[in-house]
Structure formats: C-alpha cells, structure tokens
C-alpha cells in the first residue's frame, strides 16, 4: 500500500523557516510501533498521522509522534496538519476538529484570497500550574546564572494547556542568545517533575527583530541528546495562558506576537491570544502561517500489499 506524506514549514511565511512537520495522510492500518519508526525516520521534532475520526462529527483522528514517543497534543503539528488538509480540499474549510490524546482540538483555517495560508488552534485543556523552581535550578538547565532569570511576573514554573513545559523568563535578549542546554542540569531538575522541556523567553526585544512582544527558545530531549525547537506552539500558548491568568484584568483578550527560532536560523512567528472572562481564562489559542508542501511523496512499508 502506497502511503502519501507531505511536509510543511509551520509558523513562517518563507521556505526553510519555522518548524518543519511531516504529515502522513494515509495512516489507517499502521501500528503504533510502525508510526514511531516512521517518525524516527523522518527525524523531525514531530510527525503526524491522519486517521478517520471515531466520531463522524469530527474531521480526523490525529496522532502525534516525536522521534522518541507519542504525545497527546502539540502546537505546530496541529497547525501544520490542518493547513495541509485544507490545501488538499477544493475549497478550504473554515475549521477542522481533531481527535487527539489530550481531547478535541478545534483548528481555524487562515485564508487569504480563498487560499489557505495558515491555521490557529484552540488548546484542548484549561491552564494547569504545577511545580515551581528556584532561579538557580532553572538557570542550571540552560547554562546561565541566577542573575539572568527574572521573577517579577512569575517564578520558573511548569505550566500546561495539555502538554507541560517549565516556563522561565530571562532578563535580556543577550541572555536568551547565550543560553545552551545543560544535560546535567536537565538530569537534576526535570526527570522528577511533570515535564522534560524548558521554554524560556524575554520581553527585551530589540527594535530590529520584527514587531514582537517577546522572543523565546525551547530545549527538549531529542534523538541525539538535548536539542532546540524552532517554534513551539504548545509552550507558547501555555505561557500566554499563564500571563493572562496573572494579569489583573478580569475580562478581555491578551494578544502576543512571539518570535522563536531566530538564534538557530529558522525564524518563526507565533500569534497567540487568550480570552478571559470574570477573572478566569476561558480559551487559549495559537496560530500562524505555513509554507506549502516543502516535500511530497509516498512510501510503502515492507510486507504491506
């Protein structure tokens, strides 16, 4: 059986920017082990597998795999998969609903002149706040000093809207640029917590780096040790939900333009918004542009008809 795949760059408007994603369109009949092997072969941060929905009221079941494991939710895989499916339709749908491990993920299709140009997801779960860490602990994960960590808005803390991240604010753009993953720090701090990834950001954005509200980076365990992700929608939307939760406003919408991937040569732009009503976060969203079909092809697994 020939199985079709398409790759796409997510959270960007240019080829070889953003975060690459492989989308396997004909995934029915594949075992979990086969999906994991295929994701490892692509060797992207994530690969998605599109299956028929369990509920016909939804559009697809989407399974998401890193090179190491299946995960219940992620940002750029949802945005990229929705974009790919929209480009395959004669007329792009206004929205899609994906069944995933973390729940139902609604995704709005962004269009320009009737053509799909990106997508925006709604996080499937509300904001959860977990373990807090000291500035020394957080700094040790990213090869910085405690003086590089800022805590006036929040301490280093694990937060989630379906996938957990240790979120840390830095004092400067220069500190963000200097950071590098420290395996010993990760081994000491994160294995006993609820997550294995650190998302760190700064509000110190030089005027030459696009009209942004913050710049961010994210380190996580990959196939060859600790690596960096060029655009992390699930972490960005979790951080934005935290900011909205901490704000004194009871009602309204927080919107942020977040840059990521700049220091690794894959500039990304993530647009996030969080709605708040009666002092409570009621929905969190992240979206952005995509570049269509970087690669397209088919494969056939040995032993399949």
C-alpha atoms as a PDB file:
ATOM      1  CA  UNK A   1       0.000   0.000   0.000  1.00  0.00           C
ATOM      2  CA  UNK A   2       1.388   3.394  -1.002  1.00  0.00           C
ATOM      3  CA  UNK A   3       1.083   5.916   1.823  1.00  0.00           C
ATOM      4  CA  UNK A   4       1.207   9.606   0.969  1.00  0.00           C
ATOM      5  CA  UNK A   5       3.022  12.216   3.012  1.00  0.00           C
ATOM      6  CA  UNK A   6       3.516  15.984   2.782  1.00  0.00           C
ATOM      7  CA  UNK A   7       5.989  18.117   4.707  1.00  0.00           C
ATOM      8  CA  UNK A   8       5.316  21.733   5.585  1.00  0.00           C
ATOM      9  CA  UNK A   9       7.112  24.546   7.395  1.00  0.00           C
ATOM     10  CA  UNK A  10       4.958  25.922  10.220  1.00  0.00           C
ATOM     11  CA  UNK A  11       4.837  29.366  11.859  1.00  0.00           C
ATOM     12  CA  UNK A  12       6.598  31.034   8.956  1.00  0.00           C
ATOM     13  CA  UNK A  13       5.971  32.745   5.624  1.00  0.00           C
ATOM     14  CA  UNK A  14       9.185  31.552   3.976  1.00  0.00           C
ATOM     15  CA  UNK A  15      10.702  28.239   2.938  1.00  0.00           C
ATOM     16  CA  UNK A  16      13.165  26.763   5.430  1.00  0.00           C
ATOM     17  CA  UNK A  17      11.887  28.949   8.236  1.00  0.00           C
ATOM     18  CA  UNK A  18       9.641  27.927  11.111  1.00  0.00           C
ATOM     19  CA  UNK A  19       9.289  24.349  12.308  1.00  0.00           C
ATOM     20  CA  UNK A  20       9.174  21.508   9.753  1.00  0.00           C
ATOM     21  CA  UNK A  21       6.455  18.867  10.046  1.00  0.00           C
ATOM     22  CA  UNK A  22       5.774  15.604   8.221  1.00  0.00           C
ATOM     23  CA  UNK A  23       2.092  14.710   7.759  1.00  0.00           C
ATOM     24  CA  UNK A  24       1.250  11.104   6.825  1.00  0.00           C
ATOM     25  CA  UNK A  25      -2.155  11.301   5.152  1.00  0.00           C
ATOM     26  CA  UNK A  26      -2.951   7.597   4.737  1.00  0.00           C
ATOM     27  CA  UNK A  27      -2.236   6.207   8.206  1.00  0.00           C
ATOM     28  CA  UNK A  28      -5.049   3.645   8.554  1.00  0.00           C
ATOM     29  CA  UNK A  29      -3.736   0.196   9.441  1.00  0.00           C
ATOM     30  CA  UNK A  30      -0.394   1.380  10.784  1.00  0.00           C
ATOM     31  CA  UNK A  31       0.522   0.060  14.219  1.00  0.00           C
ATOM     32  CA  UNK A  32       1.834   2.304  16.973  1.00  0.00           C
ATOM     33  CA  UNK A  33       5.275   0.750  16.546  1.00  0.00           C
ATOM     34  CA  UNK A  34       5.219   1.460  12.815  1.00  0.00           C
ATOM     35  CA  UNK A  35       4.180   5.062  13.379  1.00  0.00           C
ATOM     36  CA  UNK A  36       7.005   5.506  15.859  1.00  0.00           C
ATOM     37  CA  UNK A  37       9.517   4.024  13.419  1.00  0.00           C
ATOM     38  CA  UNK A  38       8.278   6.300  10.616  1.00  0.00           C
ATOM     39  CA  UNK A  39       8.510   9.386  12.860  1.00  0.00           C
ATOM     40  CA  UNK A  40      12.053   8.417  13.830  1.00  0.00           C
ATOM     41  CA  UNK A  41      12.912   8.003  10.136  1.00  0.00           C
ATOM     42  CA  UNK A  42      11.641  11.496   9.275  1.00  0.00           C
ATOM     43  CA  UNK A  43      13.617  12.762  12.307  1.00  0.00           C
ATOM     44  CA  UNK A  44      11.591  15.968  12.636  1.00  0.00           C
ATOM     45  CA  UNK A  45      10.589  17.240  16.065  1.00  0.00           C
ATOM     46  CA  UNK A  46       7.130  15.779  15.313  1.00  0.00           C
ATOM     47  CA  UNK A  47       5.333  13.743  12.664  1.00  0.00           C
ATOM     48  CA  UNK A  48       1.545  13.422  12.470  1.00  0.00           C
ATOM     49  CA  UNK A  49      -0.592  10.533  11.276  1.00  0.00           C
ATOM     50  CA  UNK A  50      -4.086  11.273   9.962  1.00  0.00           C
ATOM     51  CA  UNK A  51      -6.769   8.638  10.617  1.00  0.00           C
ATOM     52  CA  UNK A  52     -10.557   8.521  10.219  1.00  0.00           C
ATOM     53  CA  UNK A  53     -12.341  10.082  13.226  1.00  0.00           C
ATOM     54  CA  UNK A  54     -14.017   7.902  15.808  1.00  0.00           C
ATOM     55  CA  UNK A  55     -16.937  10.361  15.830  1.00  0.00           C
ATOM     56  CA  UNK A  56     -18.237  11.272  12.347  1.00  0.00           C
ATOM     57  CA  UNK A  57     -18.995  14.783  13.627  1.00  0.00           C
ATOM     58  CA  UNK A  58     -15.229  15.378  13.725  1.00  0.00           C
ATOM     59  CA  UNK A  59     -12.790  15.635  10.827  1.00  0.00           C
ATOM     60  CA  UNK A  60      -9.914  13.315  11.755  1.00  0.00           C
ATOM     61  CA  UNK A  61      -8.086  11.477  14.460  1.00  0.00           C
ATOM     62  CA  UNK A  62      -4.546  12.827  14.586  1.00  0.00           C
ATOM     63  CA  UNK A  63      -1.734  11.007  16.326  1.00  0.00           C
ATOM     64  CA  UNK A  64       1.473  12.924  17.050  1.00  0.00           C
ATOM     65  CA  UNK A  65       4.904  11.347  17.456  1.00  0.00           C
ATOM     66  CA  UNK A  66       8.287  12.797  18.318  1.00  0.00           C
ATOM     67  CA  UNK A  67      11.357  10.756  17.436  1.00  0.00           C
ATOM     68  CA  UNK A  68      11.115   9.239  20.923  1.00  0.00           C
ATOM     69  CA  UNK A  69       7.427   8.824  21.825  1.00  0.00           C
ATOM     70  CA  UNK A  70       3.801   9.586  21.081  1.00  0.00           C
ATOM     71  CA  UNK A  71       2.477  12.769  22.707  1.00  0.00           C
ATOM     72  CA  UNK A  72      -1.149  13.746  23.386  1.00  0.00           C
ATOM     73  CA  UNK A  73      -1.023  17.250  21.914  1.00  0.00           C
ATOM     74  CA  UNK A  74       1.355  19.728  20.299  1.00  0.00           C
ATOM     75  CA  UNK A  75       1.179  23.115  18.628  1.00  0.00           C
ATOM     76  CA  UNK A  76       2.901  23.150  15.265  1.00  0.00           C
ATOM     77  CA  UNK A  77       1.665  19.599  14.389  1.00  0.00           C
ATOM     78  CA  UNK A  78      -1.951  20.761  14.690  1.00  0.00           C
ATOM     79  CA  UNK A  79      -1.406  23.988  12.785  1.00  0.00           C
ATOM     80  CA  UNK A  80       0.573  22.222  10.061  1.00  0.00           C
ATOM     81  CA  UNK A  81      -1.764  19.227   9.724  1.00  0.00           C
ATOM     82  CA  UNK A  82      -4.831  21.472   9.450  1.00  0.00           C
ATOM     83  CA  UNK A  83      -3.070  23.580   6.838  1.00  0.00           C
ATOM     84  CA  UNK A  84      -2.103  20.516   4.787  1.00  0.00           C
ATOM     85  CA  UNK A  85      -5.638  19.104   4.898  1.00  0.00           C
ATOM     86  CA  UNK A  86      -7.054  22.494   3.899  1.00  0.00           C
ATOM     87  CA  UNK A  87      -4.733  22.687   0.893  1.00  0.00           C
ATOM     88  CA  UNK A  88      -5.959  19.267  -0.251  1.00  0.00           C
ATOM     89  CA  UNK A  89      -9.601  20.433  -0.294  1.00  0.00           C
ATOM     90  CA  UNK A  90     -11.161  22.073  -3.355  1.00  0.00           C
ATOM     91  CA  UNK A  91     -12.411  24.820  -1.043  1.00  0.00           C
ATOM     92  CA  UNK A  92     -10.562  25.246   2.271  1.00  0.00           C
ATOM     93  CA  UNK A  93     -12.843  24.502   5.239  1.00  0.00           C
ATOM     94  CA  UNK A  94     -13.399  27.261   7.791  1.00  0.00           C
ATOM     95  CA  UNK A  95     -12.403  24.957  10.638  1.00  0.00           C
ATOM     96  CA  UNK A  96     -11.441  21.389  11.469  1.00  0.00           C
ATOM     97  CA  UNK A  97     -11.836  19.310  14.625  1.00  0.00           C
ATOM     98  CA  UNK A  98      -9.125  16.796  15.511  1.00  0.00           C
ATOM     99  CA  UNK A  99      -9.446  13.948  17.990  1.00  0.00           C
ATOM    100  CA  UNK A 100      -6.214  13.634  19.994  1.00  0.00           C
ATOM    101  CA  UNK A 101      -4.927  12.086  23.170  1.00  0.00           C
ATOM    102  CA  UNK A 102      -5.481  15.321  25.124  1.00  0.00           C
ATOM    103  CA  UNK A 103      -9.023  15.797  23.812  1.00  0.00           C
ATOM    104  CA  UNK A 104     -10.751  17.551  20.936  1.00  0.00           C
ATOM    105  CA  UNK A 105      -8.639  20.224  19.213  1.00  0.00           C
ATOM    106  CA  UNK A 106     -10.539  22.792  17.113  1.00  0.00           C
ATOM    107  CA  UNK A 107      -8.423  24.460  14.415  1.00  0.00           C
ATOM    108  CA  UNK A 108      -9.459  27.526  12.406  1.00  0.00           C
ATOM    109  CA  UNK A 109      -8.085  27.789   8.868  1.00  0.00           C
ATOM    110  CA  UNK A 110      -6.476  31.135   7.991  1.00  0.00           C
ATOM    111  CA  UNK A 111      -7.076  32.165   4.374  1.00  0.00           C
ATOM    112  CA  UNK A 112      -6.021  34.909   2.004  1.00  0.00           C
ATOM    113  CA  UNK A 113      -7.955  35.340  -1.243  1.00  0.00           C
ATOM    114  CA  UNK A 114      -9.664  31.992  -0.733  1.00  0.00           C
ATOM    115  CA  UNK A 115      -6.339  30.188  -0.298  1.00  0.00           C
ATOM    116  CA  UNK A 116      -5.225  28.546   2.966  1.00  0.00           C
ATOM    117  CA  UNK A 117      -2.180  30.343   4.391  1.00  0.00           C
ATOM    118  CA  UNK A 118      -2.068  29.001   7.965  1.00  0.00           C
ATOM    119  CA  UNK A 119      -4.157  27.923  10.930  1.00  0.00           C
ATOM    120  CA  UNK A 120      -4.973  28.714  14.565  1.00  0.00           C
ATOM    121  CA  UNK A 121      -5.671  26.066  17.206  1.00  0.00           C
ATOM    122  CA  UNK A 122      -7.627  26.216  20.435  1.00  0.00           C
ATOM    123  CA  UNK A 123      -5.908  24.449  23.330  1.00  0.00           C
ATOM    124  CA  UNK A 124      -7.870  21.339  24.346  1.00  0.00           C
ATOM    125  CA  UNK A 125      -7.429  21.860  28.098  1.00  0.00           C
ATOM    126  CA  UNK A 126      -7.501  24.725  30.568  1.00  0.00           C
ATOM    127  CA  UNK A 127      -4.415  26.167  32.237  1.00  0.00           C
ATOM    128  CA  UNK A 128      -2.755  23.969  34.873  1.00  0.00           C
ATOM    129  CA  UNK A 129       0.088  25.218  37.066  1.00  0.00           C
ATOM    130  CA  UNK A 130       2.479  22.743  38.662  1.00  0.00           C
ATOM    131  CA  UNK A 131       5.917  22.723  40.309  1.00  0.00           C
ATOM    132  CA  UNK A 132       7.861  25.937  40.877  1.00  0.00           C
ATOM    133  CA  UNK A 133      11.666  26.004  40.787  1.00  0.00           C
ATOM    134  CA  UNK A 134      14.362  28.301  42.108  1.00  0.00           C
ATOM    135  CA  UNK A 135      16.213  30.631  39.769  1.00  0.00           C
ATOM    136  CA  UNK A 136      19.369  28.592  40.375  1.00  0.00           C
ATOM    137  CA  UNK A 137      17.643  25.371  39.314  1.00  0.00           C
ATOM    138  CA  UNK A 138      16.168  26.920  36.182  1.00  0.00           C
ATOM    139  CA  UNK A 139      19.436  28.596  35.215  1.00  0.00           C
ATOM    140  CA  UNK A 140      21.341  25.328  35.541  1.00  0.00           C
ATOM    141  CA  UNK A 141      19.221  23.769  32.755  1.00  0.00           C
ATOM    142  CA  UNK A 142      20.225  26.411  30.207  1.00  0.00           C
ATOM    143  CA  UNK A 143      23.837  27.218  31.171  1.00  0.00           C
ATOM    144  CA  UNK A 144      23.013  30.618  32.644  1.00  0.00           C
ATOM    145  CA  UNK A 145      23.413  32.252  36.047  1.00  0.00           C
ATOM    146  CA  UNK A 146      20.668  33.064  38.536  1.00  0.00           C
ATOM    147  CA  UNK A 147      21.153  36.754  37.663  1.00  0.00           C
ATOM    148  CA  UNK A 148      19.878  36.006  34.140  1.00  0.00           C
ATOM    149  CA  UNK A 149      16.467  34.867  35.451  1.00  0.00           C
ATOM    150  CA  UNK A 150      13.642  37.333  36.006  1.00  0.00           C
ATOM    151  CA  UNK A 151      10.897  36.598  38.555  1.00  0.00           C
ATOM    152  CA  UNK A 152       8.838  39.786  38.923  1.00  0.00           C
ATOM    153  CA  UNK A 153       5.996  38.364  36.798  1.00  0.00           C
ATOM    154  CA  UNK A 154       6.263  34.694  37.785  1.00  0.00           C
ATOM    155  CA  UNK A 155       8.814  32.226  39.188  1.00  0.00           C
ATOM    156  CA  UNK A 156      10.160  29.434  36.978  1.00  0.00           C
ATOM    157  CA  UNK A 157       7.152  27.112  36.875  1.00  0.00           C
ATOM    158  CA  UNK A 158       5.750  24.151  34.981  1.00  0.00           C
ATOM    159  CA  UNK A 159       2.513  25.059  33.201  1.00  0.00           C
ATOM    160  CA  UNK A 160       0.322  23.248  30.707  1.00  0.00           C
ATOM    161  CA  UNK A 161      -2.745  23.501  28.496  1.00  0.00           C
ATOM    162  CA  UNK A 162      -2.332  19.797  27.545  1.00  0.00           C
ATOM    163  CA  UNK A 163       1.476  19.445  27.339  1.00  0.00           C
ATOM    164  CA  UNK A 164       3.703  20.637  30.216  1.00  0.00           C
ATOM    165  CA  UNK A 165       6.729  22.954  29.976  1.00  0.00           C
ATOM    166  CA  UNK A 166       8.982  24.619  32.513  1.00  0.00           C
ATOM    167  CA  UNK A 167       8.459  28.305  31.661  1.00  0.00           C
ATOM    168  CA  UNK A 168      11.227  30.739  32.591  1.00  0.00           C
ATOM    169  CA  UNK A 169      11.607  34.462  31.951  1.00  0.00           C
ATOM    170  CA  UNK A 170      15.083  35.870  31.231  1.00  0.00           C
ATOM    171  CA  UNK A 171      16.331  39.375  31.904  1.00  0.00           C
ATOM    172  CA  UNK A 172      17.624  40.190  28.428  1.00  0.00           C
ATOM    173  CA  UNK A 173      17.832  39.296  24.759  1.00  0.00           C
ATOM    174  CA  UNK A 174      21.553  38.807  25.260  1.00  0.00           C
ATOM    175  CA  UNK A 175      20.932  36.139  27.921  1.00  0.00           C
ATOM    176  CA  UNK A 176      18.462  34.402  25.594  1.00  0.00           C
ATOM    177  CA  UNK A 177      21.148  34.302  22.899  1.00  0.00           C
ATOM    178  CA  UNK A 178      23.779  32.938  25.333  1.00  0.00           C
ATOM    179  CA  UNK A 179      21.664  30.045  26.615  1.00  0.00           C
ATOM    180  CA  UNK A 180      22.581  26.451  25.774  1.00  0.00           C
ATOM    181  CA  UNK A 181      21.151  23.180  27.089  1.00  0.00           C
ATOM    182  CA  UNK A 182      22.966  21.613  30.029  1.00  0.00           C
ATOM    183  CA  UNK A 183      22.450  17.851  30.255  1.00  0.00           C
ATOM    184  CA  UNK A 184      23.484  17.689  33.914  1.00  0.00           C
ATOM    185  CA  UNK A 185      21.038  20.450  34.820  1.00  0.00           C
ATOM    186  CA  UNK A 186      18.210  18.710  32.972  1.00  0.00           C
ATOM    187  CA  UNK A 187      19.063  15.415  34.694  1.00  0.00           C
ATOM    188  CA  UNK A 188      18.959  17.046  38.137  1.00  0.00           C
ATOM    189  CA  UNK A 189      15.850  19.183  37.703  1.00  0.00           C
ATOM    190  CA  UNK A 190      13.373  17.779  35.205  1.00  0.00           C
ATOM    191  CA  UNK A 191      13.210  13.949  35.470  1.00  0.00           C
ATOM    192  CA  UNK A 192      11.425  14.154  38.825  1.00  0.00           C
ATOM    193  CA  UNK A 193       8.913  16.709  37.583  1.00  0.00           C
ATOM    194  CA  UNK A 194       5.965  16.567  35.216  1.00  0.00           C
ATOM    195  CA  UNK A 195       7.875  17.573  32.080  1.00  0.00           C
ATOM    196  CA  UNK A 196      11.136  17.197  30.186  1.00  0.00           C
ATOM    197  CA  UNK A 197      11.261  20.513  28.269  1.00  0.00           C
ATOM    198  CA  UNK A 198      12.131  24.101  29.139  1.00  0.00           C
ATOM    199  CA  UNK A 199      10.633  27.147  27.402  1.00  0.00           C
ATOM    200  CA  UNK A 200      12.352  30.429  28.166  1.00  0.00           C
ATOM    201  CA  UNK A 201      11.681  33.911  26.887  1.00  0.00           C
ATOM    202  CA  UNK A 202      12.460  37.585  27.266  1.00  0.00           C
ATOM    203  CA  UNK A 203      10.418  40.753  26.903  1.00  0.00           C
ATOM    204  CA  UNK A 204      13.625  42.593  25.985  1.00  0.00           C
ATOM    205  CA  UNK A 205      13.135  42.650  22.206  1.00  0.00           C
ATOM    206  CA  UNK A 206      15.403  44.965  20.155  1.00  0.00           C
ATOM    207  CA  UNK A 207      13.538  47.108  17.641  1.00  0.00           C
ATOM    208  CA  UNK A 208      15.296  45.398  14.722  1.00  0.00           C
ATOM    209  CA  UNK A 209      13.775  41.976  15.491  1.00  0.00           C
ATOM    210  CA  UNK A 210      10.312  42.339  13.953  1.00  0.00           C
ATOM    211  CA  UNK A 211       7.426  43.975  15.878  1.00  0.00           C
ATOM    212  CA  UNK A 212       7.348  41.392  18.680  1.00  0.00           C
ATOM    213  CA  UNK A 213       6.180  41.257  22.280  1.00  0.00           C
ATOM    214  CA  UNK A 214       8.773  38.634  23.239  1.00  0.00           C
ATOM    215  CA  UNK A 215      11.456  36.309  21.906  1.00  0.00           C
ATOM    216  CA  UNK A 216      11.622  32.689  23.069  1.00  0.00           C
ATOM    217  CA  UNK A 217      13.581  29.448  22.797  1.00  0.00           C
ATOM    218  CA  UNK A 218      12.823  25.852  23.819  1.00  0.00           C
ATOM    219  CA  UNK A 219      15.127  22.936  24.657  1.00  0.00           C
ATOM    220  CA  UNK A 220      13.984  19.314  24.922  1.00  0.00           C
ATOM    221  CA  UNK A 221      15.384  15.756  24.669  1.00  0.00           C
ATOM    222  CA  UNK A 222      15.672  14.605  21.055  1.00  0.00           C
ATOM    223  CA  UNK A 223      17.161  11.674  19.200  1.00  0.00           C
ATOM    224  CA  UNK A 224      20.715  12.896  19.824  1.00  0.00           C
ATOM    225  CA  UNK A 225      20.576  14.413  23.293  1.00  0.00           C
ATOM    226  CA  UNK A 226      19.169  17.810  24.185  1.00  0.00           C
ATOM    227  CA  UNK A 227      18.121  19.835  21.148  1.00  0.00           C
ATOM    228  CA  UNK A 228      16.307  23.066  20.316  1.00  0.00           C
ATOM    229  CA  UNK A 229      12.860  23.503  18.781  1.00  0.00           C
ATOM    230  CA  UNK A 230      12.424  26.384  16.316  1.00  0.00           C
ATOM    231  CA  UNK A 231       8.719  27.019  17.021  1.00  0.00           C
ATOM    232  CA  UNK A 232       6.746  25.541  19.921  1.00  0.00           C
ATOM    233  CA  UNK A 233       3.047  26.364  19.770  1.00  0.00           C
ATOM    234  CA  UNK A 234       2.036  24.278  22.776  1.00  0.00           C
ATOM    235  CA  UNK A 235       4.584  26.036  25.014  1.00  0.00           C
ATOM    236  CA  UNK A 236       3.772  29.478  23.629  1.00  0.00           C
ATOM    237  CA  UNK A 237       0.048  29.107  24.251  1.00  0.00           C
ATOM    238  CA  UNK A 238       0.643  27.691  27.747  1.00  0.00           C
ATOM    239  CA  UNK A 239       2.885  30.644  28.611  1.00  0.00           C
ATOM    240  CA  UNK A 240       0.324  33.099  27.226  1.00  0.00           C
ATOM    241  CA  UNK A 241      -2.405  31.462  29.296  1.00  0.00           C
ATOM    242  CA  UNK A 242      -0.194  31.897  32.367  1.00  0.00           C
ATOM    243  CA  UNK A 243       0.347  35.592  31.594  1.00  0.00           C
ATOM    244  CA  UNK A 244      -3.387  36.144  31.169  1.00  0.00           C
ATOM    245  CA  UNK A 245      -4.103  34.287  34.402  1.00  0.00           C
ATOM    246  CA  UNK A 246      -1.643  36.500  36.282  1.00  0.00           C
ATOM    247  CA  UNK A 247      -2.930  39.773  34.827  1.00  0.00           C
ATOM    248  CA  UNK A 248      -5.217  41.938  36.913  1.00  0.00           C
ATOM    249  CA  UNK A 249      -7.783  42.284  34.143  1.00  0.00           C
ATOM    250  CA  UNK A 250     -10.967  40.293  34.713  1.00  0.00           C
ATOM    251  CA  UNK A 251     -12.249  40.411  31.145  1.00  0.00           C
ATOM    252  CA  UNK A 252     -10.714  40.821  27.717  1.00  0.00           C
ATOM    253  CA  UNK A 253      -8.253  39.258  25.310  1.00  0.00           C
ATOM    254  CA  UNK A 254      -4.467  39.137  25.608  1.00  0.00           C
ATOM    255  CA  UNK A 255      -2.695  39.043  22.240  1.00  0.00           C
ATOM    256  CA  UNK A 256       1.025  38.409  21.787  1.00  0.00           C
ATOM    257  CA  UNK A 257       3.429  38.198  18.839  1.00  0.00           C
ATOM    258  CA  UNK A 258       6.194  35.773  19.758  1.00  0.00           C
ATOM    259  CA  UNK A 259       9.426  35.205  17.875  1.00  0.00           C
ATOM    260  CA  UNK A 260      11.269  31.898  18.137  1.00  0.00           C
ATOM    261  CA  UNK A 261      13.970  30.042  16.203  1.00  0.00           C
ATOM    262  CA  UNK A 262      15.906  33.220  15.338  1.00  0.00           C
ATOM    263  CA  UNK A 263      19.115  32.105  17.039  1.00  0.00           C
ATOM    264  CA  UNK A 264      19.104  28.767  15.206  1.00  0.00           C
ATOM    265  CA  UNK A 265      18.487  30.180  11.737  1.00  0.00           C
ATOM    266  CA  UNK A 266      14.809  29.201  11.463  1.00  0.00           C
ATOM    267  CA  UNK A 267      12.922  32.404  12.306  1.00  0.00           C
ATOM    268  CA  UNK A 268       9.343  31.768  13.404  1.00  0.00           C
ATOM    269  CA  UNK A 269       6.381  33.968  14.282  1.00  0.00           C
ATOM    270  CA  UNK A 270       3.689  32.635  16.616  1.00  0.00           C
ATOM    271  CA  UNK A 271       0.490  34.607  17.179  1.00  0.00           C
ATOM    272  CA  UNK A 272      -1.273  33.807  20.411  1.00  0.00           C
ATOM    273  CA  UNK A 273      -4.403  35.125  22.070  1.00  0.00           C
ATOM    274  CA  UNK A 274      -6.065  34.252  25.353  1.00  0.00           C
ATOM    275  CA  UNK A 275      -9.640  35.142  26.294  1.00  0.00           C
ATOM    276  CA  UNK A 276     -10.517  35.891  29.898  1.00  0.00           C
ATOM    277  CA  UNK A 277     -13.968  36.305  31.472  1.00  0.00           C
ATOM    278  CA  UNK A 278     -14.872  37.004  35.101  1.00  0.00           C
ATOM    279  CA  UNK A 279     -11.231  36.658  36.075  1.00  0.00           C
ATOM    280  CA  UNK A 280     -10.829  33.199  34.518  1.00  0.00           C
ATOM    281  CA  UNK A 281      -9.013  32.092  31.359  1.00  0.00           C
ATOM    282  CA  UNK A 282     -11.757  30.646  29.122  1.00  0.00           C
ATOM    283  CA  UNK A 283      -9.782  29.818  25.958  1.00  0.00           C
ATOM    284  CA  UNK A 284      -6.210  29.928  24.685  1.00  0.00           C
ATOM    285  CA  UNK A 285      -5.198  29.987  21.016  1.00  0.00           C
ATOM    286  CA  UNK A 286      -2.031  29.978  18.928  1.00  0.00           C
ATOM    287  CA  UNK A 287      -1.615  30.180  15.193  1.00  0.00           C
ATOM    288  CA  UNK A 288       0.492  31.354  12.311  1.00  0.00           C
ATOM    289  CA  UNK A 289       1.411  30.989   8.698  1.00  0.00           C
ATOM    290  CA  UNK A 290       2.633  27.902   6.850  1.00  0.00           C
ATOM    291  CA  UNK A 291       4.657  27.308   3.697  1.00  0.00           C
ATOM    292  CA  UNK A 292       3.007  24.758   1.472  1.00  0.00           C
ATOM    293  CA  UNK A 293       4.408  21.330   0.607  1.00  0.00           C
ATOM    294  CA  UNK A 294       8.125  21.563   1.156  1.00  0.00           C
ATOM    295  CA  UNK A 295       8.252  17.901   0.107  1.00  0.00           C
ATOM    296  CA  UNK A 296       5.608  15.438  -1.028  1.00  0.00           C
ATOM    297  CA  UNK A 297       5.777  11.731  -1.797  1.00  0.00           C
ATOM    298  CA  UNK A 298       4.743   8.205  -0.953  1.00  0.00           C
ATOM    299  CA  UNK A 299       6.272   5.269   0.864  1.00  0.00           C
ATOM    300  CA  UNK A 300       5.422   1.616   1.265  1.00  0.00           C
ATOM    301  CA  UNK A 301       6.393  -0.433   4.294  1.00  0.00           C
ATOM    302  CA  UNK A 302       7.996  -3.812   3.672  1.00  0.00           C
ATOM    303  CA  UNK A 303       5.384  -6.577   3.903  1.00  0.00           C
ATOM    304  CA  UNK A 304       2.418  -4.365   3.033  1.00  0.00           C
ATOM    305  CA  UNK A 305       0.362  -5.157  -0.054  1.00  0.00           C
END
